[in-house]
Amino acid sequence: MKKLLGVLVSAAMLVSPALAGAADQIGIYVAPKFVYGLTQMDGTKVHGTDGVEPKTGRIGSSTDSTFGGSIAFGYDFEKKFSVPIRAEVEYAAFSQ
């Protein structure tokens, strides 16, 4: 997982400068993205049913975090065709 993320980041750094001049004219772009997510639950109430009668309870306190990144390759149609549309393909990876 970490190895794949490292490869994606390295590829983004190497490819981005090489395409910078050409991308201004033809609309191709590469966008590396980095993500950190934090979830904190504190005494969350849960409502549900066991199929017969309603049940209510509490979930204890918990904190969870994740790191991730993605790389997106896209085409901006505005540059060449004067149409404000972009198409993008993105691959993302997150820690568990």
PDB file of N, CA and C in Angstrom:
ATOM      1  N   MET A   1       0.818  -1.181   0.000  1.00  0.00           N
ATOM      2  CA  MET A   1       0.000   0.000   0.000  1.00  0.00           C
ATOM      3  C   MET A   1       0.870   1.256   0.000  1.00  0.00           C
ATOM      4  N   LYS A   2       1.817   1.329   0.949  1.00  0.00           N
ATOM      5  CA  LYS A   2       2.703   2.482   1.023  1.00  0.00           C
ATOM      6  C   LYS A   2       3.607   2.549  -0.201  1.00  0.00           C
ATOM      7  N   LYS A   3       3.990   1.376  -0.681  1.00  0.00           N
ATOM      8  CA  LYS A   3       4.846   1.320  -1.867  1.00  0.00           C
ATOM      9  C   LYS A   3       4.102   1.865  -3.093  1.00  0.00           C
ATOM     10  N   LEU A   4       2.833   1.488  -3.247  1.00  0.00           N
ATOM     11  CA  LEU A   4       2.016   1.962  -4.358  1.00  0.00           C
ATOM     12  C   LEU A   4       1.825   3.478  -4.285  1.00  0.00           C
ATOM     13  N   LEU A   5       1.563   3.997  -3.091  1.00  0.00           N
ATOM     14  CA  LEU A   5       1.406   5.431  -2.912  1.00  0.00           C
ATOM     15  C   LEU A   5       2.702   6.163  -3.252  1.00  0.00           C
ATOM     16  N   GLY A   6       3.823   5.607  -2.850  1.00  0.00           N
ATOM     17  CA  GLY A   6       5.117   6.206  -3.183  1.00  0.00           C
ATOM     18  C   GLY A   6       5.369   6.250  -4.677  1.00  0.00           C
ATOM     19  N   VAL A   7       5.001   5.186  -5.370  1.00  0.00           N
ATOM     20  CA  VAL A   7       5.164   5.134  -6.821  1.00  0.00           C
ATOM     21  C   VAL A   7       4.268   6.177  -7.489  1.00  0.00           C
ATOM     22  N   LEU A   8       3.036   6.310  -7.032  1.00  0.00           N
ATOM     23  CA  LEU A   8       2.117   7.296  -7.604  1.00  0.00           C
ATOM     24  C   LEU A   8       2.618   8.729  -7.405  1.00  0.00           C
ATOM     25  N   VAL A   9       3.101   9.019  -6.217  1.00  0.00           N
ATOM     26  CA  VAL A   9       3.617  10.361  -5.937  1.00  0.00           C
ATOM     27  C   VAL A   9       4.856  10.645  -6.778  1.00  0.00           C
ATOM     28  N   SER A  10       5.755   9.677  -6.877  1.00  0.00           N
ATOM     29  CA  SER A  10       6.965   9.852  -7.694  1.00  0.00           C
ATOM     30  C   SER A  10       6.619  10.073  -9.162  1.00  0.00           C
ATOM     31  N   ALA A  11       5.690   9.299  -9.666  1.00  0.00           N
ATOM     32  CA  ALA A  11       5.273   9.445 -11.064  1.00  0.00           C
ATOM     33  C   ALA A  11       4.659  10.820 -11.307  1.00  0.00           C
ATOM     34  N   ALA A  12       3.869  11.287 -10.366  1.00  0.00           N
ATOM     35  CA  ALA A  12       3.239  12.601 -10.518  1.00  0.00           C
ATOM     36  C   ALA A  12       4.287  13.706 -10.555  1.00  0.00           C
ATOM     37  N   MET A  13       5.317  13.587  -9.724  1.00  0.00           N
ATOM     38  CA  MET A  13       6.359  14.610  -9.699  1.00  0.00           C
ATOM     39  C   MET A  13       7.202  14.597 -10.974  1.00  0.00           C
ATOM     40  N   LEU A  14       7.403  13.426 -11.530  1.00  0.00           N
ATOM     41  CA  LEU A  14       8.211  13.337 -12.743  1.00  0.00           C
ATOM     42  C   LEU A  14       7.432  13.745 -13.997  1.00  0.00           C
ATOM     43  N   VAL A  15       6.182  13.391 -14.055  1.00  0.00           N
ATOM     44  CA  VAL A  15       5.376  13.641 -15.248  1.00  0.00           C
ATOM     45  C   VAL A  15       4.886  15.086 -15.325  1.00  0.00           C
ATOM     46  N   SER A  16       4.541  15.683 -14.208  1.00  0.00           N
ATOM     47  CA  SER A  16       3.953  17.017 -14.203  1.00  0.00           C
ATOM     48  C   SER A  16       4.814  18.079 -14.892  1.00  0.00           C
ATOM     49  N   PRO A  17       6.109  18.225 -14.580  1.00  0.00           N
ATOM     50  CA  PRO A  17       6.904  19.241 -15.256  1.00  0.00           C
ATOM     51  C   PRO A  17       7.086  18.967 -16.752  1.00  0.00           C
ATOM     52  N   ALA A  18       7.155  17.698 -17.122  1.00  0.00           N
ATOM     53  CA  ALA A  18       7.359  17.347 -18.522  1.00  0.00           C
ATOM     54  C   ALA A  18       6.167  17.737 -19.387  1.00  0.00           C
ATOM     55  N   LEU A  19       4.978  17.643 -18.828  1.00  0.00           N
ATOM     56  CA  LEU A  19       3.776  17.964 -19.588  1.00  0.00           C
ATOM     57  C   LEU A  19       3.321  19.414 -19.422  1.00  0.00           C
ATOM     58  N   ALA A  20       3.971  20.170 -18.574  1.00  0.00           N
ATOM     59  CA  ALA A  20       3.491  21.514 -18.265  1.00  0.00           C
ATOM     60  C   ALA A  20       3.396  22.412 -19.498  1.00  0.00           C
ATOM     61  N   GLY A  21       4.419  22.437 -20.328  1.00  0.00           N
ATOM     62  CA  GLY A  21       4.389  23.290 -21.517  1.00  0.00           C
ATOM     63  C   GLY A  21       3.359  22.835 -22.527  1.00  0.00           C
ATOM     64  N   ALA A  22       3.299  21.557 -22.791  1.00  0.00           N
ATOM     65  CA  ALA A  22       2.345  21.020 -23.762  1.00  0.00           C
ATOM     66  C   ALA A  22       0.919  21.102 -23.232  1.00  0.00           C
ATOM     67  N   ALA A  23       0.742  20.945 -21.938  1.00  0.00           N
ATOM     68  CA  ALA A  23      -0.595  20.945 -21.355  1.00  0.00           C
ATOM     69  C   ALA A  23      -1.272  22.299 -21.494  1.00  0.00           C
ATOM     70  N   ASP A  24      -0.501  23.380 -21.506  1.00  0.00           N
ATOM     71  CA  ASP A  24      -1.096  24.706 -21.666  1.00  0.00           C
ATOM     72  C   ASP A  24      -1.775  24.865 -23.014  1.00  0.00           C
ATOM     73  N   GLN A  25      -1.335  24.122 -23.996  1.00  0.00           N
ATOM     74  CA  GLN A  25      -1.882  24.258 -25.338  1.00  0.00           C
ATOM     75  C   GLN A  25      -2.924  23.196 -25.673  1.00  0.00           C
ATOM     76  N   ILE A  26      -2.760  21.979 -25.177  1.00  0.00           N
ATOM     77  CA  ILE A  26      -3.673  20.914 -25.588  1.00  0.00           C
ATOM     78  C   ILE A  26      -4.681  20.503 -24.523  1.00  0.00           C
ATOM     79  N   GLY A  27      -4.511  20.916 -23.275  1.00  0.00           N
ATOM     80  CA  GLY A  27      -5.508  20.667 -22.243  1.00  0.00           C
ATOM     81  C   GLY A  27      -5.305  19.437 -21.389  1.00  0.00           C
ATOM     82  N   ILE A  28      -4.228  18.695 -21.577  1.00  0.00           N
ATOM     83  CA  ILE A  28      -3.970  17.507 -20.751  1.00  0.00           C
ATOM     84  C   ILE A  28      -3.385  17.967 -19.419  1.00  0.00           C
ATOM     85  N   TYR A  29      -3.837  17.343 -18.316  1.00  0.00           N
ATOM     86  CA  TYR A  29      -3.277  17.691 -17.022  1.00  0.00           C
ATOM     87  C   TYR A  29      -3.168  16.473 -16.119  1.00  0.00           C
ATOM     88  N   VAL A  30      -2.274  16.578 -15.129  1.00  0.00           N
ATOM     89  CA  VAL A  30      -2.066  15.558 -14.104  1.00  0.00           C
ATOM     90  C   VAL A  30      -2.233  16.257 -12.766  1.00  0.00           C
ATOM     91  N   ALA A  31      -3.036  15.675 -11.881  1.00  0.00           N
ATOM     92  CA  ALA A  31      -3.311  16.308 -10.594  1.00  0.00           C
ATOM     93  C   ALA A  31      -3.068  15.335  -9.445  1.00  0.00           C
ATOM     94  N   PRO A  32      -1.937  15.474  -8.729  1.00  0.00           N
ATOM     95  CA  PRO A  32      -1.738  14.653  -7.530  1.00  0.00           C
ATOM     96  C   PRO A  32      -2.542  15.253  -6.376  1.00  0.00           C
ATOM     97  N   LYS A  33      -3.114  14.390  -5.531  1.00  0.00           N
ATOM     98  CA  LYS A  33      -3.914  14.850  -4.402  1.00  0.00           C
ATOM     99  C   LYS A  33      -3.516  14.073  -3.157  1.00  0.00           C
ATOM    100  N   PHE A  34      -3.497  14.762  -2.011  1.00  0.00           N
ATOM    101  CA  PHE A  34      -3.163  14.135  -0.746  1.00  0.00           C
ATOM    102  C   PHE A  34      -4.313  14.361   0.229  1.00  0.00           C
ATOM    103  N   VAL A  35      -4.664  13.324   1.010  1.00  0.00           N
ATOM    104  CA  VAL A  35      -5.856  13.379   1.851  1.00  0.00           C
ATOM    105  C   VAL A  35      -5.523  12.915   3.272  1.00  0.00           C
ATOM    106  N   TYR A  36      -6.077  13.598   4.258  1.00  0.00           N
ATOM    107  CA  TYR A  36      -6.054  13.143   5.644  1.00  0.00           C
ATOM    108  C   TYR A  36      -7.486  13.252   6.169  1.00  0.00           C
ATOM    109  N   GLY A  37      -8.009  12.160   6.699  1.00  0.00           N
ATOM    110  CA  GLY A  37      -9.371  12.166   7.225  1.00  0.00           C
ATOM    111  C   GLY A  37      -9.388  11.787   8.690  1.00  0.00           C
ATOM    112  N   LEU A  38     -10.191  12.495   9.466  1.00  0.00           N
ATOM    113  CA  LEU A  38     -10.311  12.239  10.897  1.00  0.00           C
ATOM    114  C   LEU A  38     -11.791  12.103  11.240  1.00  0.00           C
ATOM    115  N   THR A  39     -12.135  11.012  11.897  1.00  0.00           N
ATOM    116  CA  THR A  39     -13.504  10.788  12.346  1.00  0.00           C
ATOM    117  C   THR A  39     -13.485  10.625  13.853  1.00  0.00           C
ATOM    118  N   GLN A  40     -14.334  11.371  14.525  1.00  0.00           N
ATOM    119  CA  GLN A  40     -14.406  11.281  15.979  1.00  0.00           C
ATOM    120  C   GLN A  40     -15.867  11.103  16.377  1.00  0.00           C
ATOM    121  N   MET A  41     -16.141  10.017  17.094  1.00  0.00           N
ATOM    122  CA  MET A  41     -17.491   9.750  17.585  1.00  0.00           C
ATOM    123  C   MET A  41     -17.454   9.797  19.100  1.00  0.00           C
ATOM    124  N   ASP A  42     -18.406  10.496  19.688  1.00  0.00           N
ATOM    125  CA  ASP A  42     -18.450  10.638  21.134  1.00  0.00           C
ATOM    126  C   ASP A  42     -19.862  10.357  21.627  1.00  0.00           C
ATOM    127  N   GLY A  43     -20.096   9.151  22.096  1.00  0.00           N
ATOM    128  CA  GLY A  43     -21.394   8.789  22.652  1.00  0.00           C
ATOM    129  C   GLY A  43     -22.525   8.853  21.641  1.00  0.00           C
ATOM    130  N   THR A  44     -22.306   8.356  20.442  1.00  0.00           N
ATOM    131  CA  THR A  44     -23.308   8.392  19.383  1.00  0.00           C
ATOM    132  C   THR A  44     -24.473   7.471  19.705  1.00  0.00           C
ATOM    133  N   LYS A  45     -25.686   7.980  19.496  1.00  0.00           N
ATOM    134  CA  LYS A  45     -26.884   7.168  19.736  1.00  0.00           C
ATOM    135  C   LYS A  45     -27.195   6.331  18.504  1.00  0.00           C
ATOM    136  N   VAL A  46     -27.665   5.116  18.743  1.00  0.00           N
ATOM    137  CA  VAL A  46     -28.037   4.204  17.668  1.00  0.00           C
ATOM    138  C   VAL A  46     -29.493   3.806  17.868  1.00  0.00           C
ATOM    139  N   HIS A  47     -30.263   3.908  16.795  1.00  0.00           N
ATOM    140  CA  HIS A  47     -31.664   3.502  16.832  1.00  0.00           C
ATOM    141  C   HIS A  47     -31.860   2.418  15.784  1.00  0.00           C
ATOM    142  N   GLY A  48     -32.599   1.384  16.119  1.00  0.00           N
ATOM    143  CA  GLY A  48     -32.827   0.306  15.169  1.00  0.00           C
ATOM    144  C   GLY A  48     -33.889  -0.641  15.688  1.00  0.00           C
ATOM    145  N   THR A  49     -33.969  -1.764  15.039  1.00  0.00           N
ATOM    146  CA  THR A  49     -34.940  -2.770  15.438  1.00  0.00           C
ATOM    147  C   THR A  49     -34.343  -4.155  15.238  1.00  0.00           C
ATOM    148  N   ASP A  50     -34.800  -5.104  16.028  1.00  0.00           N
ATOM    149  CA  ASP A  50     -34.350  -6.478  15.859  1.00  0.00           C
ATOM    150  C   ASP A  50     -35.365  -7.280  15.058  1.00  0.00           C
ATOM    151  N   GLY A  51     -36.283  -6.590  14.403  1.00  0.00           N
ATOM    152  CA  GLY A  51     -37.302  -7.255  13.613  1.00  0.00           C
ATOM    153  C   GLY A  51     -38.640  -7.324  14.319  1.00  0.00           C
ATOM    154  N   VAL A  52     -38.622  -7.181  15.660  1.00  0.00           N
ATOM    155  CA  VAL A  52     -39.861  -7.277  16.419  1.00  0.00           C
ATOM    156  C   VAL A  52     -40.155  -5.959  17.142  1.00  0.00           C
ATOM    157  N   GLU A  53     -39.180  -5.484  17.903  1.00  0.00           N
ATOM    158  CA  GLU A  53     -39.390  -4.260  18.672  1.00  0.00           C
ATOM    159  C   GLU A  53     -38.212  -3.302  18.489  1.00  0.00           C
ATOM    160  N   PRO A  54     -38.446  -2.000  18.633  1.00  0.00           N
ATOM    161  CA  PRO A  54     -37.363  -1.027  18.470  1.00  0.00           C
ATOM    162  C   PRO A  54     -36.346  -1.112  19.597  1.00  0.00           C
ATOM    163  N   LYS A  55     -35.101  -0.859  19.246  1.00  0.00           N
ATOM    164  CA  LYS A  55     -34.008  -0.879  20.217  1.00  0.00           C
ATOM    165  C   LYS A  55     -33.265   0.456  20.142  1.00  0.00           C
ATOM    166  N   THR A  56     -32.747   0.913  21.273  1.00  0.00           N
ATOM    167  CA  THR A  56     -31.945   2.125  21.330  1.00  0.00           C
ATOM    168  C   THR A  56     -30.697   1.827  22.146  1.00  0.00           C
ATOM    169  N   GLY A  57     -29.565   2.383  21.714  1.00  0.00           N
ATOM    170  CA  GLY A  57     -28.324   2.159  22.441  1.00  0.00           C
ATOM    171  C   GLY A  57     -27.321   3.251  22.160  1.00  0.00           C
ATOM    172  N   ARG A  58     -26.149   3.105  22.737  1.00  0.00           N
ATOM    173  CA  ARG A  58     -25.068   4.070  22.524  1.00  0.00           C
ATOM    174  C   ARG A  58     -23.805   3.333  22.092  1.00  0.00           C
ATOM    175  N   ILE A  59     -23.047   3.983  21.221  1.00  0.00           N
ATOM    176  CA  ILE A  59     -21.730   3.493  20.826  1.00  0.00           C
ATOM    177  C   ILE A  59     -20.721   4.279  21.638  1.00  0.00           C
ATOM    178  N   GLY A  60     -19.711   3.631  22.160  1.00  0.00           N
ATOM    179  CA  GLY A  60     -18.704   4.322  22.944  1.00  0.00           C
ATOM    180  C   GLY A  60     -17.905   5.320  22.104  1.00  0.00           C
ATOM    181  N   SER A  61     -17.084   6.089  22.768  1.00  0.00           N
ATOM    182  CA  SER A  61     -16.255   7.080  22.088  1.00  0.00           C
ATOM    183  C   SER A  61     -15.173   6.396  21.265  1.00  0.00           C
ATOM    184  N   SER A  62     -14.891   6.968  20.112  1.00  0.00           N
ATOM    185  CA  SER A  62     -13.877   6.390  19.237  1.00  0.00           C
ATOM    186  C   SER A  62     -13.332   7.457  18.298  1.00  0.00           C
ATOM    187  N   THR A  63     -12.065   7.334  17.967  1.00  0.00           N
ATOM    188  CA  THR A  63     -11.422   8.239  17.009  1.00  0.00           C
ATOM    189  C   THR A  63     -10.691   7.391  15.988  1.00  0.00           C
ATOM    190  N   ASP A  64     -10.816   7.758  14.727  1.00  0.00           N
ATOM    191  CA  ASP A  64     -10.180   7.019  13.644  1.00  0.00           C
ATOM    192  C   ASP A  64      -9.617   8.015  12.636  1.00  0.00           C
ATOM    193  N   SER A  65      -8.453   7.716  12.093  1.00  0.00           N
ATOM    194  CA  SER A  65      -7.874   8.597  11.080  1.00  0.00           C
ATOM    195  C   SER A  65      -7.327   7.765   9.918  1.00  0.00           C
ATOM    196  N   THR A  66      -7.218   8.395   8.770  1.00  0.00           N
ATOM    197  CA  THR A  66      -6.709   7.717   7.586  1.00  0.00           C
ATOM    198  C   THR A  66      -5.914   8.694   6.727  1.00  0.00           C
ATOM    199  N   PHE A  67      -4.919   8.165   6.066  1.00  0.00           N
ATOM    200  CA  PHE A  67      -4.116   8.942   5.124  1.00  0.00           C
ATOM    201  C   PHE A  67      -4.350   8.366   3.735  1.00  0.00           C
ATOM    202  N   GLY A  68      -4.177   9.166   2.739  1.00  0.00           N
ATOM    203  CA  GLY A  68      -4.344   8.654   1.386  1.00  0.00           C
ATOM    204  C   GLY A  68      -3.855   9.639   0.355  1.00  0.00           C
ATOM    205  N   GLY A  69      -3.954   9.209  -0.843  1.00  0.00           N
ATOM    206  CA  GLY A  69      -3.563  10.060  -1.951  1.00  0.00           C
ATOM    207  C   GLY A  69      -4.159   9.535  -3.229  1.00  0.00           C
ATOM    208  N   SER A  70      -4.129  10.361  -4.218  1.00  0.00           N
ATOM    209  CA  SER A  70      -4.641   9.939  -5.517  1.00  0.00           C
ATOM    210  C   SER A  70      -3.908  10.693  -6.605  1.00  0.00           C
ATOM    211  N   ILE A  71      -4.051  10.191  -7.793  1.00  0.00           N
ATOM    212  CA  ILE A  71      -3.492  10.860  -8.956  1.00  0.00           C
ATOM    213  C   ILE A  71      -4.581  10.849 -10.027  1.00  0.00           C
ATOM    214  N   ALA A  72      -4.771  11.991 -10.631  1.00  0.00           N
ATOM    215  CA  ALA A  72      -5.817  12.129 -11.642  1.00  0.00           C
ATOM    216  C   ALA A  72      -5.190  12.581 -12.957  1.00  0.00           C
ATOM    217  N   PHE A  73      -5.645  11.988 -14.026  1.00  0.00           N
ATOM    218  CA  PHE A  73      -5.246  12.391 -15.374  1.00  0.00           C
ATOM    219  C   PHE A  73      -6.500  12.926 -16.049  1.00  0.00           C
ATOM    220  N   GLY A  74      -6.390  14.057 -16.695  1.00  0.00           N
ATOM    221  CA  GLY A  74      -7.590  14.626 -17.287  1.00  0.00           C
ATOM    222  C   GLY A  74      -7.320  15.411 -18.547  1.00  0.00           C
ATOM    223  N   TYR A  75      -8.410  15.828 -19.147  1.00  0.00           N
ATOM    224  CA  TYR A  75      -8.361  16.649 -20.353  1.00  0.00           C
ATOM    225  C   TYR A  75      -9.337  17.805 -20.186  1.00  0.00           C
ATOM    226  N   ASP A  76      -8.854  19.015 -20.426  1.00  0.00           N
ATOM    227  CA  ASP A  76      -9.663  20.217 -20.331  1.00  0.00           C
ATOM    228  C   ASP A  76     -10.033  20.663 -21.741  1.00  0.00           C
ATOM    229  N   PHE A  77     -11.295  20.523 -22.102  1.00  0.00           N
ATOM    230  CA  PHE A  77     -11.762  20.856 -23.447  1.00  0.00           C
ATOM    231  C   PHE A  77     -11.778  22.361 -23.709  1.00  0.00           C
ATOM    232  N   GLU A  78     -11.681  23.168 -22.655  1.00  0.00           N
ATOM    233  CA  GLU A  78     -11.685  24.627 -22.793  1.00  0.00           C
ATOM    234  C   GLU A  78     -10.493  25.126 -23.608  1.00  0.00           C
ATOM    235  N   LYS A  79      -9.336  24.508 -23.420  1.00  0.00           N
ATOM    236  CA  LYS A  79      -8.108  24.972 -24.076  1.00  0.00           C
ATOM    237  C   LYS A  79      -8.195  24.925 -25.601  1.00  0.00           C
ATOM    238  N   LYS A  80      -8.743  23.850 -26.124  1.00  0.00           N
ATOM    239  CA  LYS A  80      -8.723  23.661 -27.569  1.00  0.00           C
ATOM    240  C   LYS A  80     -10.064  23.941 -28.244  1.00  0.00           C
ATOM    241  N   PHE A  81     -11.162  23.651 -27.567  1.00  0.00           N
ATOM    242  CA  PHE A  81     -12.481  23.738 -28.196  1.00  0.00           C
ATOM    243  C   PHE A  81     -13.363  24.847 -27.629  1.00  0.00           C
ATOM    244  N   SER A  82     -12.886  25.597 -26.647  1.00  0.00           N
ATOM    245  CA  SER A  82     -13.650  26.672 -25.994  1.00  0.00           C
ATOM    246  C   SER A  82     -14.982  26.177 -25.415  1.00  0.00           C
ATOM    247  N   VAL A  83     -14.950  24.984 -24.837  1.00  0.00           N
ATOM    248  CA  VAL A  83     -16.116  24.395 -24.184  1.00  0.00           C
ATOM    249  C   VAL A  83     -15.727  24.144 -22.724  1.00  0.00           C
ATOM    250  N   PRO A  84     -16.494  24.671 -21.754  1.00  0.00           N
ATOM    251  CA  PRO A  84     -16.105  24.536 -20.342  1.00  0.00           C
ATOM    252  C   PRO A  84     -16.408  23.151 -19.757  1.00  0.00           C
ATOM    253  N   ILE A  85     -15.764  22.117 -20.304  1.00  0.00           N
ATOM    254  CA  ILE A  85     -15.953  20.742 -19.847  1.00  0.00           C
ATOM    255  C   ILE A  85     -14.590  20.104 -19.615  1.00  0.00           C
ATOM    256  N   ARG A  86     -14.490  19.311 -18.531  1.00  0.00           N
ATOM    257  CA  ARG A  86     -13.275  18.539 -18.274  1.00  0.00           C
ATOM    258  C   ARG A  86     -13.650  17.082 -18.086  1.00  0.00           C
ATOM    259  N   ALA A  87     -12.778  16.194 -18.542  1.00  0.00           N
ATOM    260  CA  ALA A  87     -12.940  14.752 -18.318  1.00  0.00           C
ATOM    261  C   ALA A  87     -11.726  14.299 -17.513  1.00  0.00           C
ATOM    262  N   GLU A  88     -11.958  13.427 -16.512  1.00  0.00           N
ATOM    263  CA  GLU A  88     -10.874  13.067 -15.605  1.00  0.00           C
ATOM    264  C   GLU A  88     -10.998  11.616 -15.169  1.00  0.00           C
ATOM    265  N   VAL A  89      -9.859  10.941 -15.068  1.00  0.00           N
ATOM    266  CA  VAL A  89      -9.784   9.591 -14.510  1.00  0.00           C
ATOM    267  C   VAL A  89      -8.864   9.674 -13.294  1.00  0.00           C
ATOM    268  N   GLU A  90      -9.333   9.141 -12.158  1.00  0.00           N
ATOM    269  CA  GLU A  90      -8.585   9.265 -10.916  1.00  0.00           C
ATOM    270  C   GLU A  90      -8.441   7.907 -10.247  1.00  0.00           C
ATOM    271  N   TYR A  91      -7.259   7.651  -9.691  1.00  0.00           N
ATOM    272  CA  TYR A  91      -7.017   6.461  -8.893  1.00  0.00           C
ATOM    273  C   TYR A  91      -6.644   6.916  -7.486  1.00  0.00           C
ATOM    274  N   ALA A  92      -7.323   6.387  -6.471  1.00  0.00           N
ATOM    275  CA  ALA A  92      -7.078   6.781  -5.102  1.00  0.00           C
ATOM    276  C   ALA A  92      -6.729   5.573  -4.248  1.00  0.00           C
ATOM    277  N   ALA A  93      -5.877   5.778  -3.250  1.00  0.00           N
ATOM    278  CA  ALA A  93      -5.502   4.729  -2.302  1.00  0.00           C
ATOM    279  C   ALA A  93      -5.498   5.332  -0.907  1.00  0.00           C
ATOM    280  N   PHE A  94      -6.038   4.595   0.074  1.00  0.00           N
ATOM    281  CA  PHE A  94      -6.124   5.082   1.449  1.00  0.00           C
ATOM    282  C   PHE A  94      -5.602   4.036   2.416  1.00  0.00           C
ATOM    283  N   SER A  95      -5.074   4.481   3.555  1.00  0.00           N
ATOM    284  CA  SER A  95      -4.638   3.557   4.595  1.00  0.00           C
ATOM    285  C   SER A  95      -5.862   3.003   5.313  1.00  0.00           C
ATOM    286  N   GLN A  96      -5.650   1.938   6.063  1.00  0.00           N
ATOM    287  CA  GLN A  96      -6.789   1.335   6.769  1.00  0.00           C
ATOM    288  C   GLN A  96      -6.728   1.589   8.235  1.00  0.00           C
TER     289      GLN A  96
END
